[in-house]
Amino acid sequence: MQDELINTKALQEERFRKDPATREHWDRTALARAVAIAVIRYRAEHGLSQRALAKQLGMPQPHIARLELGEHNPSVDTLQRLAQGLGRCFIVAVAPADRAEELALPPGAQVLTDNRAADGSRVLAGTS
């Protein structure tokens, strides 16, 4: 029997084909996952616990935990608070399918997510 490498993207696409609701949830939470990545990366780079980051941002630790789960899209107020507290810019661009190719991040920005929804629309998020 030959060993095969598992391609996670192929597995994910298979799951999406079998369960459209999973794909819908994935598309809907693209921004949440991008913010989660940014918050986790910041904490790791600065050696902070969730509690320490919460104190730095002036919010409760459970709020940081929820952000890091990436299950709920943050409000604009939360993004502003993160930008101020982390000293980072959050760039979010959303476009319908017929204009998806127009989206771009400014030079030097780091892509956090570039998600194409089943309907062809696109969410592009980054930080700098």
C-alpha atoms as a PDB file:
ATOM      1  CA  MET A   1       0.000   0.000   0.000  1.00  0.00           C
ATOM      2  CA  GLN A   2       1.367   3.384  -0.983  1.00  0.00           C
ATOM      3  CA  ASP A   3       1.381   6.253   1.522  1.00  0.00           C
ATOM      4  CA  GLU A   4      -0.341   9.406   0.322  1.00  0.00           C
ATOM      5  CA  LEU A   5       0.152  12.926   1.516  1.00  0.00           C
ATOM      6  CA  ILE A   6      -3.031  14.535   2.717  1.00  0.00           C
ATOM      7  CA  ASN A   7      -3.796  17.835   1.038  1.00  0.00           C
ATOM      8  CA  THR A   8      -5.739  19.879   3.583  1.00  0.00           C
ATOM      9  CA  LYS A   9      -7.116  22.216   0.930  1.00  0.00           C
ATOM     10  CA  ALA A  10      -8.496  19.249  -1.015  1.00  0.00           C
ATOM     11  CA  LEU A  11     -10.015  17.830   2.175  1.00  0.00           C
ATOM     12  CA  GLN A  12     -11.582  21.184   2.938  1.00  0.00           C
ATOM     13  CA  GLU A  13     -13.047  21.490  -0.560  1.00  0.00           C
ATOM     14  CA  GLU A  14     -14.462  17.968  -0.275  1.00  0.00           C
ATOM     15  CA  ARG A  15     -16.106  18.892   3.017  1.00  0.00           C
ATOM     16  CA  PHE A  16     -17.533  22.052   1.448  1.00  0.00           C
ATOM     17  CA  ARG A  17     -19.012  19.994  -1.409  1.00  0.00           C
ATOM     18  CA  LYS A  18     -20.632  17.597   1.036  1.00  0.00           C
ATOM     19  CA  ASP A  19     -21.905  20.285   3.402  1.00  0.00           C
ATOM     20  CA  PRO A  20     -22.735  23.683   1.860  1.00  0.00           C
ATOM     21  CA  ALA A  21     -23.582  25.075   5.320  1.00  0.00           C
ATOM     22  CA  THR A  22     -19.952  24.519   6.342  1.00  0.00           C
ATOM     23  CA  ARG A  23     -18.819  26.490   3.277  1.00  0.00           C
ATOM     24  CA  GLU A  24     -21.259  29.265   4.105  1.00  0.00           C
ATOM     25  CA  HIS A  25     -19.946  29.475   7.677  1.00  0.00           C
ATOM     26  CA  TRP A  26     -16.329  29.461   6.422  1.00  0.00           C
ATOM     27  CA  ASP A  27     -17.026  32.305   4.014  1.00  0.00           C
ATOM     28  CA  ARG A  28     -18.974  34.297   6.591  1.00  0.00           C
ATOM     29  CA  THR A  29     -16.167  34.083   9.197  1.00  0.00           C
ATOM     30  CA  ALA A  30     -13.194  34.864   6.941  1.00  0.00           C
ATOM     31  CA  LEU A  31     -12.607  38.219   8.634  1.00  0.00           C
ATOM     32  CA  ALA A  32     -12.914  36.658  12.102  1.00  0.00           C
ATOM     33  CA  ARG A  33     -10.195  34.124  11.271  1.00  0.00           C
ATOM     34  CA  ALA A  34      -7.956  36.885   9.882  1.00  0.00           C
ATOM     35  CA  VAL A  35      -8.278  38.933  13.066  1.00  0.00           C
ATOM     36  CA  ALA A  36      -7.658  35.813  15.163  1.00  0.00           C
ATOM     37  CA  ILE A  37      -4.418  35.200  13.274  1.00  0.00           C
ATOM     38  CA  ALA A  38      -3.311  38.812  13.799  1.00  0.00           C
ATOM     39  CA  VAL A  39      -4.071  38.759  17.539  1.00  0.00           C
ATOM     40  CA  ILE A  40      -2.389  35.387  18.101  1.00  0.00           C
ATOM     41  CA  ARG A  41       0.646  36.455  16.065  1.00  0.00           C
ATOM     42  CA  TYR A  42       0.947  39.689  18.049  1.00  0.00           C
ATOM     43  CA  ARG A  43       0.747  37.841  21.367  1.00  0.00           C
ATOM     44  CA  ALA A  44       3.380  35.325  20.250  1.00  0.00           C
ATOM     45  CA  GLU A  45       5.738  38.016  18.932  1.00  0.00           C
ATOM     46  CA  HIS A  46       5.481  39.934  22.205  1.00  0.00           C
ATOM     47  CA  GLY A  47       5.409  36.973  24.598  1.00  0.00           C
ATOM     48  CA  LEU A  48       2.058  37.999  26.052  1.00  0.00           C
ATOM     49  CA  SER A  49      -0.606  35.901  27.706  1.00  0.00           C
ATOM     50  CA  GLN A  50      -4.241  36.534  26.855  1.00  0.00           C
ATOM     51  CA  ARG A  51      -4.594  38.191  30.254  1.00  0.00           C
ATOM     52  CA  ALA A  52      -1.631  40.526  29.600  1.00  0.00           C
ATOM     53  CA  LEU A  53      -2.919  41.469  26.155  1.00  0.00           C
ATOM     54  CA  ALA A  54      -6.390  42.074  27.564  1.00  0.00           C
ATOM     55  CA  LYS A  55      -4.897  44.444  30.130  1.00  0.00           C
ATOM     56  CA  GLN A  56      -2.933  46.242  27.403  1.00  0.00           C
ATOM     57  CA  LEU A  57      -6.115  46.660  25.350  1.00  0.00           C
ATOM     58  CA  GLY A  58      -8.354  47.478  28.311  1.00  0.00           C
ATOM     59  CA  MET A  59     -10.750  44.625  27.679  1.00  0.00           C
ATOM     60  CA  PRO A  60     -11.664  41.440  29.535  1.00  0.00           C
ATOM     61  CA  GLN A  61      -9.522  38.341  28.916  1.00  0.00           C
ATOM     62  CA  PRO A  62     -12.536  36.308  27.680  1.00  0.00           C
ATOM     63  CA  HIS A  63     -12.925  38.866  24.889  1.00  0.00           C
ATOM     64  CA  ILE A  64      -9.376  38.076  23.721  1.00  0.00           C
ATOM     65  CA  ALA A  65     -10.158  34.353  23.888  1.00  0.00           C
ATOM     66  CA  ARG A  66     -13.268  34.872  21.725  1.00  0.00           C
ATOM     67  CA  LEU A  67     -11.301  36.925  19.202  1.00  0.00           C
ATOM     68  CA  GLU A  68      -8.658  34.191  18.974  1.00  0.00           C
ATOM     69  CA  LEU A  69     -11.285  31.528  18.264  1.00  0.00           C
ATOM     70  CA  GLY A  70     -12.101  33.287  14.996  1.00  0.00           C
ATOM     71  CA  GLU A  71     -15.762  32.290  15.099  1.00  0.00           C
ATOM     72  CA  HIS A  72     -17.413  35.732  15.237  1.00  0.00           C
ATOM     73  CA  ASN A  73     -16.617  38.721  13.073  1.00  0.00           C
ATOM     74  CA  PRO A  74     -15.333  41.650  15.112  1.00  0.00           C
ATOM     75  CA  SER A  75     -17.138  44.975  15.052  1.00  0.00           C
ATOM     76  CA  VAL A  76     -15.533  48.077  13.601  1.00  0.00           C
ATOM     77  CA  ASP A  77     -15.215  49.347  17.192  1.00  0.00           C
ATOM     78  CA  THR A  78     -13.227  46.221  18.108  1.00  0.00           C
ATOM     79  CA  LEU A  79     -10.989  46.622  15.051  1.00  0.00           C
ATOM     80  CA  GLN A  80     -10.349  50.251  16.025  1.00  0.00           C
ATOM     81  CA  ARG A  81      -9.512  49.205  19.574  1.00  0.00           C
ATOM     82  CA  LEU A  82      -7.124  46.516  18.320  1.00  0.00           C
ATOM     83  CA  ALA A  83      -5.467  48.911  15.880  1.00  0.00           C
ATOM     84  CA  GLN A  84      -4.921  51.479  18.633  1.00  0.00           C
ATOM     85  CA  GLY A  85      -3.750  48.964  21.236  1.00  0.00           C
ATOM     86  CA  LEU A  86      -1.522  46.903  18.941  1.00  0.00           C
ATOM     87  CA  GLY A  87      -0.195  49.791  16.874  1.00  0.00           C
ATOM     88  CA  ARG A  88      -1.215  47.998  13.696  1.00  0.00           C
ATOM     89  CA  CYS A  89      -3.386  48.942  10.760  1.00  0.00           C
ATOM     90  CA  PHE A  90      -6.162  46.547   9.812  1.00  0.00           C
ATOM     91  CA  ILE A  91      -7.126  46.677   6.155  1.00  0.00           C
ATOM     92  CA  VAL A  92     -10.366  45.021   5.069  1.00  0.00           C
ATOM     93  CA  ALA A  93     -11.650  44.947   1.510  1.00  0.00           C
ATOM     94  CA  VAL A  94     -14.798  43.211   0.311  1.00  0.00           C
ATOM     95  CA  ALA A  95     -15.984  42.951  -3.284  1.00  0.00           C
ATOM     96  CA  PRO A  96     -18.699  41.228  -5.292  1.00  0.00           C
ATOM     97  CA  ALA A  97     -17.709  38.516  -7.765  1.00  0.00           C
ATOM     98  CA  ASP A  98     -17.615  40.840 -10.784  1.00  0.00           C
ATOM     99  CA  ARG A  99     -15.114  43.154  -9.053  1.00  0.00           C
ATOM    100  CA  ALA A 100     -13.133  40.661  -6.946  1.00  0.00           C
ATOM    101  CA  GLU A 101      -9.951  41.086  -8.993  1.00  0.00           C
ATOM    102  CA  GLU A 102      -9.859  44.808  -8.218  1.00  0.00           C
ATOM    103  CA  LEU A 103      -8.990  44.256  -4.558  1.00  0.00           C
ATOM    104  CA  ALA A 104      -5.427  44.859  -3.456  1.00  0.00           C
ATOM    105  CA  LEU A 105      -3.621  45.638  -0.231  1.00  0.00           C
ATOM    106  CA  PRO A 106      -1.234  48.579   0.023  1.00  0.00           C
ATOM    107  CA  PRO A 107       2.482  47.871  -0.467  1.00  0.00           C
ATOM    108  CA  GLY A 108       4.053  46.346   2.627  1.00  0.00           C
ATOM    109  CA  ALA A 109       0.782  45.018   4.061  1.00  0.00           C
ATOM    110  CA  GLN A 110       0.703  41.416   5.186  1.00  0.00           C
ATOM    111  CA  VAL A 111      -2.203  39.301   3.915  1.00  0.00           C
ATOM    112  CA  LEU A 112      -4.202  37.714   6.721  1.00  0.00           C
ATOM    113  CA  THR A 113      -6.910  36.204   4.522  1.00  0.00           C
ATOM    114  CA  ASP A 114      -7.882  36.174   0.874  1.00  0.00           C
ATOM    115  CA  ASN A 115     -11.153  34.301   0.845  1.00  0.00           C
ATOM    116  CA  ARG A 116     -13.288  33.655  -2.226  1.00  0.00           C
ATOM    117  CA  ALA A 117     -16.836  32.752  -1.317  1.00  0.00           C
ATOM    118  CA  ALA A 118     -18.869  30.170  -3.176  1.00  0.00           C
ATOM    119  CA  ASP A 119     -20.696  33.032  -4.938  1.00  0.00           C
ATOM    120  CA  GLY A 120     -17.375  34.464  -6.176  1.00  0.00           C
ATOM    121  CA  SER A 121     -17.297  37.440  -3.819  1.00  0.00           C
ATOM    122  CA  ARG A 122     -14.004  38.115  -2.084  1.00  0.00           C
ATOM    123  CA  VAL A 123     -12.806  39.187   1.356  1.00  0.00           C
ATOM    124  CA  LEU A 124      -9.224  40.418   1.512  1.00  0.00           C
ATOM    125  CA  ALA A 125      -7.803  41.408   4.876  1.00  0.00           C
ATOM    126  CA  GLY A 126      -4.343  42.408   5.938  1.00  0.00           C
ATOM    127  CA  THR A 127      -2.323  44.235   8.521  1.00  0.00           C
ATOM    128  CA  SER A 128       0.620  46.573   8.505  1.00  0.00           C
END
